[in-house]
């Protein structure tokens, strides 16, 4: 027992290899002590050869999560590191975080009236080696949207729309854009939390 949490059995907090405040907050709210170390990797460089080879979206998400976990793990010997990533595809087309509100509007317009998939992957690593990995899928159907309602949504959401691929945050105003959702809430937010818990228990760092 470390004193950090009655549920957490490791001597040190979990290192989260992700700059996502949402992932950090999810873990912390669930009683997992977390330290954030943002990985210094070129995500597009990791992704490019996989996309060129026609790798499926779940494999791309897993590779990105692994690259993040290993990059941080190599610099923190003995520490347990969690890397995570999420990809969005719609009819085979990959989307990335929009850089501007205009790009966010284009992404939302492209997704409107269609079903897209979110692949959320995680990798747990220690001493530069992956220990456990997993990927979960959520399918989201966006309702048909006019240019006017997209503009109104982005006017309300503001720069927050740029923090998520697809230009929306389902936990906030973005919920209004959807007709149907298949998949658990954690997966949609970017981390298959229940699968992470199973892996942490199997590694004897989370109470059973």
Protein backbone atom coordinates (compact mmCIF):
# COMPACT_ATOMS: atom_id res chain seq x y z
CA UNK A 1 0.00 0.00 0.00
CA UNK A 2 1.48 3.31 -1.07
CA UNK A 3 -0.79 5.75 0.76
CA UNK A 4 -1.70 7.43 -2.56
CA UNK A 5 -4.94 5.47 -2.87
CA UNK A 6 -6.32 2.38 -1.14
CA UNK A 7 -6.86 0.89 -4.62
CA UNK A 8 -3.42 1.64 -6.06
CA UNK A 9 -0.75 -0.87 -5.05
CA UNK A 10 2.34 0.35 -6.92
CA UNK A 11 5.05 2.35 -5.20
CA UNK A 12 4.82 5.18 -7.76
CA UNK A 13 2.00 6.83 -9.68
CA UNK A 14 1.16 5.66 -13.18
CA UNK A 15 2.98 7.68 -15.85
CA UNK A 16 0.55 8.83 -18.54
CA UNK A 17 2.28 9.29 -21.89
CA UNK A 18 -0.34 11.63 -23.27
CA UNK A 19 -1.05 15.34 -23.21
CA UNK A 20 -4.79 14.70 -22.98
CA UNK A 21 -6.36 16.34 -19.95
CA UNK A 22 -9.44 14.18 -20.53
CA UNK A 23 -7.46 10.96 -20.15
CA UNK A 24 -5.67 12.32 -17.08
CA UNK A 25 -8.93 13.35 -15.45
CA UNK A 26 -10.58 10.00 -16.23
CA UNK A 27 -7.82 8.09 -14.49
CA UNK A 28 -7.62 10.46 -11.52
CA UNK A 29 -11.40 10.39 -11.02
CA UNK A 30 -11.21 6.58 -10.91
CA UNK A 31 -8.62 6.61 -8.13
CA UNK A 32 -5.49 6.05 -10.23
CA UNK A 33 -2.62 8.35 -9.20
CA UNK A 34 -1.20 9.85 -12.38
CA UNK A 35 1.83 11.82 -13.46
CA UNK A 36 1.73 13.22 -17.00
CA UNK A 37 4.78 13.08 -19.27
CA UNK A 38 3.99 14.24 -22.78
CA UNK A 39 5.83 12.01 -25.29
CA UNK A 40 8.11 13.67 -27.82
CA UNK A 41 7.24 11.75 -30.97
CA UNK A 42 6.21 12.66 -34.50
CA UNK A 43 2.79 11.01 -34.68
CA UNK A 44 2.40 11.57 -38.40
CA UNK A 45 5.78 9.91 -39.03
CA UNK A 46 4.65 6.86 -37.06
CA UNK A 47 1.31 6.79 -38.83
CA UNK A 48 2.40 7.41 -42.44
CA UNK A 49 3.97 4.01 -43.28
CA UNK A 50 1.05 2.19 -41.67
CA UNK A 51 -1.47 4.13 -43.72
CA UNK A 52 0.60 3.60 -46.87
CA UNK A 53 0.57 -0.14 -46.20
CA UNK A 54 -3.21 -0.11 -45.74
CA UNK A 55 -3.08 -1.01 -42.05
CA UNK A 56 -6.47 -1.00 -40.32
CA UNK A 57 -7.38 1.88 -38.03
CA UNK A 58 -7.13 -0.19 -34.86
CA UNK A 59 -3.55 -1.14 -35.73
CA UNK A 60 -2.67 2.51 -36.37
CA UNK A 61 -4.12 3.56 -33.01
CA UNK A 62 -2.25 0.74 -31.25
CA UNK A 63 1.05 1.67 -32.94
CA UNK A 64 0.68 5.30 -31.90
CA UNK A 65 -0.16 4.33 -28.32
CA UNK A 66 2.85 2.01 -28.24
CA UNK A 67 5.20 4.66 -29.63
CA UNK A 68 4.09 7.08 -26.93
CA UNK A 69 4.42 4.53 -24.13
CA UNK A 70 7.88 3.39 -25.21
CA UNK A 71 9.18 6.93 -25.72
CA UNK A 72 8.34 7.83 -22.12
CA UNK A 73 9.21 4.42 -20.66
CA UNK A 74 12.75 4.51 -22.01
CA UNK A 75 13.41 7.71 -20.07
CA UNK A 76 11.84 6.51 -16.80
CA UNK A 77 13.36 3.15 -15.79
CA UNK A 78 11.22 0.96 -13.59
CA UNK A 79 8.09 3.07 -13.99
CA UNK A 80 4.80 1.76 -15.36
CA UNK A 81 3.76 3.88 -18.34
CA UNK A 82 0.40 4.14 -20.08
CA UNK A 83 0.33 5.30 -23.69
CA UNK A 84 -2.96 5.98 -25.45
CA UNK A 85 -4.19 7.17 -28.80
CA UNK A 86 -7.39 7.45 -30.77
CA UNK A 87 -8.07 7.40 -34.50
CA UNK A 88 -11.19 8.47 -36.35
CA UNK A 89 -12.16 6.99 -39.70
CA UNK A 90 -15.22 7.46 -41.87
CA UNK A 91 -15.65 5.17 -44.89
CA UNK A 92 -11.92 4.49 -44.90
CA UNK A 93 -10.83 8.14 -44.63
CA UNK A 94 -8.66 9.05 -41.63
CA UNK A 95 -9.27 12.31 -39.78
CA UNK A 96 -6.91 14.26 -37.50
CA UNK A 97 -7.41 17.10 -35.04
CA UNK A 98 -8.46 20.27 -36.87
CA UNK A 99 -5.94 23.11 -36.71
CA UNK A 100 -8.49 25.89 -37.24
CA UNK A 101 -12.20 26.42 -36.73
CA UNK A 102 -12.59 26.39 -40.52
CA UNK A 103 -11.06 22.91 -40.59
CA UNK A 104 -13.34 21.86 -37.74
CA UNK A 105 -16.34 23.04 -39.76
CA UNK A 106 -15.13 21.03 -42.76
CA UNK A 107 -14.68 17.90 -40.64
CA UNK A 108 -18.11 18.17 -39.07
CA UNK A 109 -19.69 18.75 -42.48
CA UNK A 110 -17.90 15.66 -43.82
CA UNK A 111 -19.15 13.53 -40.92
CA UNK A 112 -22.72 14.89 -40.90
CA UNK A 113 -25.33 12.30 -41.78
CA UNK A 114 -22.77 9.48 -41.68
CA UNK A 115 -21.44 6.87 -39.25
CA UNK A 116 -17.79 7.05 -38.25
CA UNK A 117 -15.59 4.90 -36.03
CA UNK A 118 -13.35 5.82 -33.12
CA UNK A 119 -10.57 3.37 -32.31
CA UNK A 120 -9.15 3.99 -28.82
CA UNK A 121 -5.96 2.10 -28.01
CA UNK A 122 -3.76 1.76 -24.94
CA UNK A 123 -0.37 0.22 -24.21
CA UNK A 124 1.18 -0.35 -20.80
CA UNK A 125 4.98 -0.45 -20.85
CA UNK A 126 7.91 -0.70 -18.47
CA UNK A 127 11.64 -0.31 -19.13
CA UNK A 128 11.15 0.27 -22.84
CA UNK A 129 9.07 -2.87 -23.43
CA UNK A 130 5.31 -3.18 -24.00
CA UNK A 131 3.48 -5.31 -21.43
CA UNK A 132 -0.20 -5.14 -22.39
CA UNK A 133 -2.17 -3.52 -25.18
CA UNK A 134 -5.79 -3.22 -26.14
CA UNK A 135 -8.11 -1.45 -28.57
CA UNK A 136 -11.83 -0.67 -28.32
CA UNK A 137 -14.17 0.65 -31.01
CA UNK A 138 -17.11 3.04 -30.83
CA UNK A 139 -19.42 3.86 -33.75
CA UNK A 140 -21.09 7.26 -33.84
CA UNK A 141 -23.74 8.47 -36.26
CA UNK A 142 -23.88 12.22 -36.71
CA UNK A 143 -27.22 13.71 -37.69
CA UNK A 144 -27.58 15.69 -40.92
CA UNK A 145 -26.38 19.23 -40.23
CA UNK A 146 -26.79 22.49 -42.11
CA UNK A 147 -23.94 24.95 -42.53
CA UNK A 148 -25.85 27.29 -40.21
CA UNK A 149 -26.09 24.83 -37.31
CA UNK A 150 -22.39 23.88 -37.72
CA UNK A 151 -21.48 27.58 -37.52
CA UNK A 152 -23.70 28.02 -34.45
CA UNK A 153 -22.15 24.99 -32.77
CA UNK A 154 -18.60 26.19 -33.40
CA UNK A 155 -19.48 29.68 -32.23
CA UNK A 156 -20.54 28.14 -28.91
CA UNK A 157 -17.71 25.57 -28.68
CA UNK A 158 -14.93 27.97 -29.66
CA UNK A 159 -11.30 26.78 -29.53
CA UNK A 160 -12.32 23.68 -27.56
CA UNK A 161 -13.45 22.21 -30.88
CA UNK A 162 -9.78 22.04 -31.92
CA UNK A 163 -8.81 19.72 -29.07
CA UNK A 164 -10.56 16.65 -30.48
CA UNK A 165 -10.47 14.86 -33.80
CA UNK A 166 -13.72 15.44 -35.66
CA UNK A 167 -14.15 18.88 -34.14
CA UNK A 168 -16.50 17.77 -31.36
CA UNK A 169 -16.45 16.78 -27.70
CA UNK A 170 -19.19 14.29 -26.98
CA UNK A 171 -19.12 15.09 -23.25
CA UNK A 172 -20.22 18.66 -23.95
CA UNK A 173 -21.95 20.58 -26.71
CA UNK A 174 -20.87 17.99 -29.25
CA UNK A 175 -23.55 15.60 -27.97
CA UNK A 176 -26.09 17.72 -29.85
CA UNK A 177 -24.56 16.71 -33.17
CA UNK A 178 -25.45 13.02 -32.91
CA UNK A 179 -28.35 10.68 -33.66
CA UNK A 180 -26.89 7.41 -32.40
CA UNK A 181 -23.86 6.14 -30.46
CA UNK A 182 -22.62 2.55 -30.13
CA UNK A 183 -19.78 2.00 -27.67
CA UNK A 184 -18.87 2.93 -24.13
CA UNK A 185 -18.35 6.50 -23.02
CA UNK A 186 -14.72 5.99 -22.00
CA UNK A 187 -13.78 4.68 -25.44
CA UNK A 188 -15.35 7.73 -27.06
CA UNK A 189 -13.35 10.00 -24.73
CA UNK A 190 -10.12 8.33 -25.88
CA UNK A 191 -9.27 5.61 -23.35
CA UNK A 192 -10.91 2.16 -22.96
CA UNK A 193 -10.81 2.58 -19.20
CA UNK A 194 -12.39 -0.73 -18.16
CA UNK A 195 -9.86 -2.70 -20.22
CA UNK A 196 -7.07 -0.63 -18.67
CA UNK A 197 -8.35 -1.58 -15.21
CA UNK A 198 -8.25 -5.29 -16.12
CA UNK A 199 -4.66 -4.92 -17.32
CA UNK A 200 -3.60 -3.04 -14.18
CA UNK A 201 -5.12 -5.73 -11.97
CA UNK A 202 -3.33 -8.43 -13.96
CA UNK A 203 -0.09 -6.53 -13.33
CA UNK A 204 -0.90 -6.46 -9.58
CA UNK A 205 -0.82 -2.68 -9.31
CA UNK A 206 -4.58 -2.25 -8.84
CA UNK A 207 -6.56 -3.92 -6.08
CA UNK A 208 -8.77 -6.81 -7.20
